[in-house]
Amino acid sequence: MARAANSLRIDEEERLLVRIAWACEIEGITQAAAAERFGITRLRVNKSLAEARRRGIVRISINSIYSPCAELEVSLVERYNLDDARVVPTPRDPAAIQTIVGIALGHHLTSLLMRPEIRLFGMSWGNTLNLATRHMEPINRPDLEIVSVMGGLSKGSELNGYEITQRLAELCNADHSYFTAPIYADSAESRDVLIAQNVFKRGIEKIRSADALAMAAGDMSQSLLIRDGLPGEFSANDLIRAGAVGDILGYMLDRDGKSIDHPINNRLVGIDLDDLRTIPDTILAAGGAHKITIMQGFLSCGYVNTLVTDEETARSLL
């Protein structure tokens, strides 16, 4: 039902705004046609539409399951000073969150790796990144190189960095290289000896010079690294007592995203976390209630440029 006027006064300015908005937004005519219809300039039509939105005369409603995701993406970018965020609807089954986040990362990588300015791409490992390579479109980038950014597991696994790096390179018709090092050395001293060797120096420098890099987050209960990659003398409980809430790039981190004071972090063979700040686009793909604490801490440290996650995780992060 039409709203009754509160007075006998006619607001010609608002009336024109409504007529222009109706013509352009409802009838779908062009701004040039609206300018001709109402005898005004096209610039005035443009400004009138903006004013109608500012006043709330025109309100846009988007009817899609992706609408809340788009709103969350904007909020995440603002909250964590990101360049980009990709949020997808959370599936009903919590066990499927990692799959949907992996699919979203695969779609993102398909478009990212088509860009000619991306010449060297760093790939971490884990199930989320493994799933991403299963949901990518093949592209032709013979000028691209994919490099693994973490040492490998001693036992064979499709989640291992070597397998994931090779699979991604094949999808992109790209070159690839491995960081052929263990994740952890036997001691801090042997770690220093290892990274002083030219072959490891060159590998670390290559990772540092990547144009973009993708990584995942692990928690202390379900992490691949906790399950298959810890040195035998350490346990998850040891790390939890030291303050660890999860791992990223092999580093055990606390709830503030800082490396815990524990010998394991001094034995890691790879780049330093601060090296991430020099890489133009660092991508974190993760989701699920069990990963929120590690994700919040890491995002707050400013290491991430692009976040790929699901809707419920995004709400918790905010």
Protein backbone atom coordinates (compact mmCIF):
# COMPACT_ATOMS: atom_id res chain seq x y z
CA MET A 1 0.00 0.00 0.00
CA ALA A 2 1.27 3.49 -0.85
CA ARG A 3 2.67 5.55 2.03
CA ALA A 4 0.54 8.60 2.93
CA ALA A 5 2.17 12.04 2.76
CA ASN A 6 2.80 13.81 6.07
CA SER A 7 2.12 17.27 4.61
CA LEU A 8 0.78 19.05 1.57
CA ARG A 9 4.32 19.95 0.52
CA ILE A 10 5.86 18.23 -2.54
CA ASP A 11 9.60 17.55 -2.43
CA GLU A 12 10.48 17.92 -6.11
CA GLU A 13 14.12 16.93 -5.55
CA GLU A 14 13.21 13.61 -3.96
CA ARG A 15 10.49 13.04 -6.54
CA LEU A 16 13.06 13.41 -9.34
CA LEU A 17 15.46 11.06 -7.57
CA VAL A 18 12.72 8.44 -7.37
CA ARG A 19 11.69 8.88 -11.00
CA ILE A 20 15.30 8.54 -12.17
CA ALA A 21 15.89 5.53 -9.92
CA TRP A 22 12.70 3.86 -11.14
CA ALA A 23 13.63 4.43 -14.77
CA CYS A 24 17.18 3.10 -14.45
CA GLU A 25 16.81 0.40 -11.79
CA ILE A 26 13.31 -0.96 -12.50
CA GLU A 27 12.67 -0.18 -16.17
CA GLY A 28 16.33 -0.81 -16.98
CA ILE A 29 16.84 2.12 -19.33
CA THR A 30 20.34 3.57 -19.74
CA GLN A 31 21.52 6.70 -17.98
CA ALA A 32 21.70 8.45 -21.37
CA ALA A 33 18.05 7.57 -22.06
CA ALA A 34 17.05 8.77 -18.59
CA ALA A 35 18.86 12.07 -19.17
CA GLU A 36 16.91 12.56 -22.39
CA ARG A 37 13.59 11.60 -20.78
CA PHE A 38 13.94 14.04 -17.88
CA GLY A 39 15.73 16.80 -19.76
CA ILE A 40 18.90 16.72 -17.65
CA THR A 41 22.53 15.81 -18.19
CA ARG A 42 23.87 12.29 -17.93
CA LEU A 43 26.17 13.46 -15.14
CA ARG A 44 23.16 14.57 -13.12
CA VAL A 45 21.50 11.20 -13.65
CA ASN A 46 24.64 9.48 -12.35
CA LYS A 47 24.80 11.73 -9.29
CA SER A 48 21.08 11.31 -8.66
CA LEU A 49 21.39 7.53 -8.60
CA ALA A 50 24.26 7.78 -6.13
CA GLU A 51 22.22 10.16 -3.94
CA ALA A 52 19.20 7.82 -4.06
CA ARG A 53 21.40 4.98 -2.75
CA ARG A 54 22.94 7.21 -0.09
CA ARG A 55 19.51 8.22 1.23
CA GLY A 56 18.24 4.66 1.21
CA ILE A 57 15.64 5.42 -1.47
CA VAL A 58 17.20 2.62 -3.51
CA ARG A 59 18.20 -0.52 -1.65
CA ILE A 60 19.73 -3.48 -3.43
CA SER A 61 18.82 -6.99 -2.28
CA ILE A 62 20.87 -9.93 -3.58
CA ASN A 63 19.08 -13.26 -3.33
CA SER A 64 21.83 -15.92 -3.28
CA ILE A 65 23.56 -18.26 -0.84
CA TYR A 66 26.74 -16.36 -1.76
CA SER A 67 25.37 -12.99 -0.55
CA PRO A 68 26.54 -13.41 3.08
CA CYS A 69 29.89 -14.65 1.77
CA ALA A 70 30.43 -11.46 -0.22
CA GLU A 71 29.68 -9.36 2.86
CA LEU A 72 32.07 -11.42 4.98
CA GLU A 73 34.82 -11.04 2.38
CA VAL A 74 34.68 -7.26 2.68
CA SER A 75 34.73 -7.46 6.50
CA LEU A 76 37.68 -9.88 6.53
CA VAL A 77 39.71 -7.64 4.20
CA GLU A 78 39.09 -4.68 6.50
CA ARG A 79 39.64 -6.55 9.78
CA TYR A 80 42.90 -8.26 8.83
CA ASN A 81 44.25 -5.77 6.27
CA LEU A 82 44.07 -8.32 3.44
CA ASP A 83 44.25 -7.74 -0.29
CA ASP A 84 41.54 -10.33 -0.99
CA ALA A 85 39.30 -12.88 0.70
CA ARG A 86 37.39 -15.82 -0.78
CA VAL A 87 34.52 -17.12 1.37
CA VAL A 88 32.31 -20.06 0.38
CA PRO A 89 29.15 -21.43 2.04
CA THR A 90 29.78 -23.86 4.89
CA PRO A 91 28.49 -27.39 4.13
CA ARG A 92 26.06 -29.07 6.54
CA ASP A 93 28.60 -31.78 7.32
CA PRO A 94 31.58 -30.28 9.23
CA ALA A 95 33.77 -33.06 7.83
CA ALA A 96 33.28 -31.56 4.36
CA ILE A 97 34.62 -28.10 5.23
CA GLN A 98 38.17 -28.96 4.19
CA THR A 99 36.88 -30.23 0.86
CA ILE A 100 34.88 -27.07 0.07
CA VAL A 101 37.81 -24.84 1.08
CA GLY A 102 40.12 -26.93 -1.11
CA ILE A 103 37.72 -26.58 -4.03
CA ALA A 104 37.58 -22.80 -3.50
CA LEU A 105 41.39 -22.65 -3.44
CA GLY A 106 41.53 -24.70 -6.65
CA HIS A 107 39.24 -22.22 -8.40
CA HIS A 108 41.32 -19.32 -7.09
CA LEU A 109 44.59 -20.87 -8.25
CA THR A 110 43.17 -21.53 -11.71
CA SER A 111 42.60 -17.80 -12.23
CA LEU A 112 45.72 -16.66 -10.34
CA LEU A 113 48.16 -18.87 -12.24
CA MET A 114 46.80 -17.67 -15.57
CA ARG A 115 48.26 -14.23 -14.81
CA PRO A 116 51.51 -13.74 -16.77
CA GLU A 117 53.14 -11.73 -13.96
CA ILE A 118 53.09 -14.86 -11.76
CA ARG A 119 56.30 -16.57 -12.82
CA LEU A 120 57.36 -18.39 -9.64
CA PHE A 121 54.70 -19.93 -7.39
CA GLY A 122 55.38 -21.52 -4.01
CA MET A 123 53.26 -24.50 -2.91
CA SER A 124 53.09 -25.88 0.61
CA TRP A 125 51.53 -29.26 1.42
CA GLY A 126 48.59 -30.81 3.24
CA ASN A 127 45.14 -32.11 2.41
CA THR A 128 43.58 -28.70 1.65
CA LEU A 129 46.24 -28.00 -0.98
CA ASN A 130 45.99 -31.54 -2.26
CA LEU A 131 42.24 -31.06 -2.76
CA ALA A 132 42.87 -27.76 -4.54
CA THR A 133 44.91 -29.51 -7.24
CA ARG A 134 42.03 -31.99 -7.70
CA HIS A 135 39.64 -29.15 -8.56
CA MET A 136 41.69 -26.99 -10.91
CA GLU A 137 41.24 -26.41 -14.59
CA PRO A 138 44.33 -27.26 -16.68
CA ILE A 139 46.15 -24.20 -17.99
CA ASN A 140 49.13 -23.72 -20.30
CA ARG A 141 51.94 -21.83 -18.54
CA PRO A 142 55.30 -23.22 -19.73
CA ASP A 143 56.91 -19.98 -18.46
CA LEU A 144 55.73 -20.70 -14.89
CA GLU A 145 57.71 -22.57 -12.23
CA ILE A 146 56.12 -24.27 -9.23
CA VAL A 147 58.42 -24.70 -6.23
CA SER A 148 57.76 -26.68 -3.05
CA VAL A 149 58.22 -24.48 0.02
CA MET A 150 58.56 -27.12 2.75
CA GLY A 151 60.67 -30.16 3.27
CA GLY A 152 59.07 -33.52 2.53
CA LEU A 153 57.75 -36.33 4.64
CA SER A 154 59.91 -39.44 4.77
CA LYS A 155 57.03 -41.70 3.77
CA GLY A 156 55.18 -41.48 0.46
CA SER A 157 51.85 -39.68 0.49
CA GLU A 158 49.72 -37.80 -2.02
CA LEU A 159 49.65 -35.03 0.61
CA ASN A 160 53.43 -34.70 0.53
CA GLY A 161 54.92 -31.53 -0.95
CA TYR A 162 56.73 -33.37 -3.73
CA GLU A 163 53.57 -35.03 -5.06
CA ILE A 164 51.44 -31.86 -4.78
CA THR A 165 54.11 -29.71 -6.46
CA GLN A 166 54.46 -32.15 -9.35
CA ARG A 167 50.69 -32.46 -9.80
CA LEU A 168 50.21 -28.68 -9.86
CA ALA A 169 53.03 -28.27 -12.37
CA GLU A 170 51.48 -30.89 -14.64
CA LEU A 171 48.11 -29.11 -14.47
CA CYS A 172 49.79 -25.86 -15.52
CA ASN A 173 52.18 -27.39 -18.09
CA ALA A 174 54.81 -25.66 -15.95
CA ASP A 175 58.31 -26.38 -14.71
CA HIS A 176 58.76 -27.43 -11.09
CA SER A 177 61.47 -27.79 -8.47
CA TYR A 178 61.63 -29.36 -5.03
CA PHE A 179 62.99 -28.11 -1.75
CA THR A 180 64.83 -31.34 -1.05
CA ALA A 181 65.28 -31.06 2.66
CA PRO A 182 63.81 -32.69 5.75
CA ILE A 183 61.21 -30.62 7.59
CA TYR A 184 63.24 -30.77 10.78
CA ALA A 185 66.95 -31.36 11.28
CA ASP A 186 68.24 -33.55 14.10
CA SER A 187 69.28 -30.49 16.11
CA ALA A 188 69.53 -26.71 15.86
CA GLU A 189 73.25 -27.10 15.14
CA SER A 190 72.70 -29.55 12.27
CA ARG A 191 69.98 -27.27 10.93
CA ASP A 192 72.53 -24.41 10.77
CA VAL A 193 75.00 -26.68 8.97
CA LEU A 194 72.32 -27.74 6.45
CA ILE A 195 71.12 -24.25 5.51
CA ALA A 196 74.73 -23.06 5.16
CA GLN A 197 75.20 -25.45 2.23
CA ASN A 198 74.76 -23.86 -1.19
CA VAL A 199 72.07 -26.27 -2.36
CA PHE A 200 69.81 -25.37 0.59
CA LYS A 201 70.75 -21.67 0.45
CA ARG A 202 69.64 -21.54 -3.18
CA GLY A 203 66.42 -23.39 -2.37
CA ILE A 204 65.50 -21.00 0.42
CA GLU A 205 66.35 -17.95 -1.71
CA LYS A 206 64.14 -19.27 -4.50
CA ILE A 207 61.18 -19.61 -2.12
CA ARG A 208 61.77 -16.08 -0.81
CA SER A 209 61.63 -14.73 -4.39
CA ALA A 210 58.25 -16.32 -5.22
CA ASP A 211 55.57 -14.08 -6.73
CA ALA A 212 52.88 -15.88 -4.72
CA LEU A 213 52.70 -18.72 -2.21
CA ALA A 214 49.91 -20.97 -0.94
CA MET A 215 49.85 -22.50 2.53
CA ALA A 216 47.49 -24.27 4.89
CA ALA A 217 47.03 -24.30 8.67
CA GLY A 218 47.08 -27.30 10.97
CA ASP A 219 45.73 -27.61 14.49
CA MET A 220 47.07 -29.78 17.29
CA SER A 221 44.49 -32.54 16.93
CA GLN A 222 44.14 -33.25 13.21
CA SER A 223 47.27 -31.80 11.59
CA LEU A 224 49.12 -33.88 9.00
CA LEU A 225 52.38 -32.60 10.45
CA ILE A 226 51.45 -33.70 13.96
CA ARG A 227 50.41 -37.10 12.63
CA ASP A 228 53.26 -37.87 10.24
CA GLY A 229 56.01 -35.27 10.50
CA LEU A 230 57.05 -34.75 14.12
CA PRO A 231 60.51 -35.92 15.23
CA GLY A 232 60.11 -39.04 17.36
CA GLU A 233 61.25 -37.40 20.59
CA PHE A 234 58.40 -34.86 20.52
CA SER A 235 54.66 -35.33 21.01
CA ALA A 236 51.63 -33.15 20.46
CA ASN A 237 51.19 -32.90 24.23
CA ASP A 238 54.75 -31.56 24.59
CA LEU A 239 53.97 -28.82 22.09
CA ILE A 240 50.59 -27.98 23.63
CA ARG A 241 52.24 -27.56 27.04
CA ALA A 242 54.64 -25.12 25.39
CA GLY A 243 51.68 -23.08 24.11
CA ALA A 244 51.22 -24.42 20.57
CA VAL A 245 47.75 -24.16 19.02
CA GLY A 246 48.75 -25.22 15.50
CA ASP A 247 51.34 -25.20 12.74
CA ILE A 248 51.93 -23.24 9.56
CA LEU A 249 54.86 -23.96 7.21
CA GLY A 250 56.19 -26.34 9.87
CA TYR A 251 56.39 -23.72 12.62
CA MET A 252 54.54 -24.43 15.86
CA LEU A 253 52.65 -21.27 16.78
CA ASP A 254 50.80 -19.93 19.81
CA ARG A 255 47.40 -18.20 19.84
CA ASP A 256 49.05 -14.89 18.95
CA GLY A 257 50.60 -16.35 15.80
CA LYS A 258 54.11 -16.34 17.30
CA SER A 259 56.58 -19.22 17.27
CA ILE A 260 56.53 -21.07 20.58
CA ASP A 261 59.70 -21.29 22.67
CA HIS A 262 60.47 -24.90 21.89
CA PRO A 263 63.45 -26.69 20.28
CA ILE A 264 61.34 -27.91 17.34
CA ASN A 265 61.14 -24.44 15.81
CA ASN A 266 64.93 -24.08 15.94
CA ARG A 267 65.25 -27.28 13.92
CA LEU A 268 62.96 -26.32 11.04
CA VAL A 269 64.67 -26.22 7.64
CA GLY A 270 63.00 -23.56 5.51
CA ILE A 271 62.16 -19.89 5.21
CA ASP A 272 61.50 -17.68 8.24
CA LEU A 273 57.94 -16.53 8.82
CA ASP A 274 59.04 -12.91 8.36
CA ASP A 275 60.14 -13.84 4.81
CA LEU A 276 56.43 -14.05 3.97
CA ARG A 277 56.20 -10.25 4.22
CA THR A 278 58.40 -9.87 1.13
CA ILE A 279 56.28 -12.20 -1.05
CA PRO A 280 53.64 -10.17 -2.95
CA ASP A 281 50.74 -12.60 -2.45
CA THR A 282 50.68 -15.11 0.40
CA ILE A 283 47.54 -17.24 0.40
CA LEU A 284 46.17 -19.01 3.47
CA ALA A 285 43.50 -21.67 2.83
CA ALA A 286 41.88 -23.19 5.92
CA GLY A 287 38.54 -23.68 7.62
CA GLY A 288 36.75 -25.41 10.46
CA ALA A 289 36.12 -24.67 14.14
CA HIS A 290 39.28 -26.52 15.21
CA LYS A 291 41.48 -24.15 13.17
CA ILE A 292 40.02 -20.80 14.24
CA THR A 293 42.56 -20.11 17.00
CA ILE A 294 45.62 -20.74 14.82
CA MET A 295 44.07 -18.79 11.94
CA GLN A 296 43.19 -15.76 14.10
CA GLY A 297 46.68 -15.53 15.51
CA PHE A 298 48.41 -15.91 12.17
CA LEU A 299 46.13 -13.45 10.39
CA SER A 300 46.66 -10.89 13.14
CA CYS A 301 50.42 -10.97 12.52
CA GLY A 302 49.98 -9.63 8.99
CA TYR A 303 51.59 -12.54 7.18
CA VAL A 304 48.61 -13.18 4.86
CA ASN A 305 47.50 -11.29 1.73
CA THR A 306 44.69 -13.60 0.57
CA LEU A 307 42.42 -15.76 2.72
CA VAL A 308 40.33 -18.67 1.43
CA THR A 309 37.86 -20.07 3.96
CA ASP A 310 34.22 -21.01 4.63
CA GLU A 311 31.36 -18.87 5.90
CA GLU A 312 31.14 -20.12 9.51
CA THR A 313 34.89 -19.91 9.98
CA ALA A 314 34.82 -16.38 8.56
CA ARG A 315 32.15 -15.34 11.08
CA SER A 316 34.24 -16.73 13.92
CA LEU A 317 37.35 -14.96 12.67
CA LEU A 318 35.39 -11.68 12.83
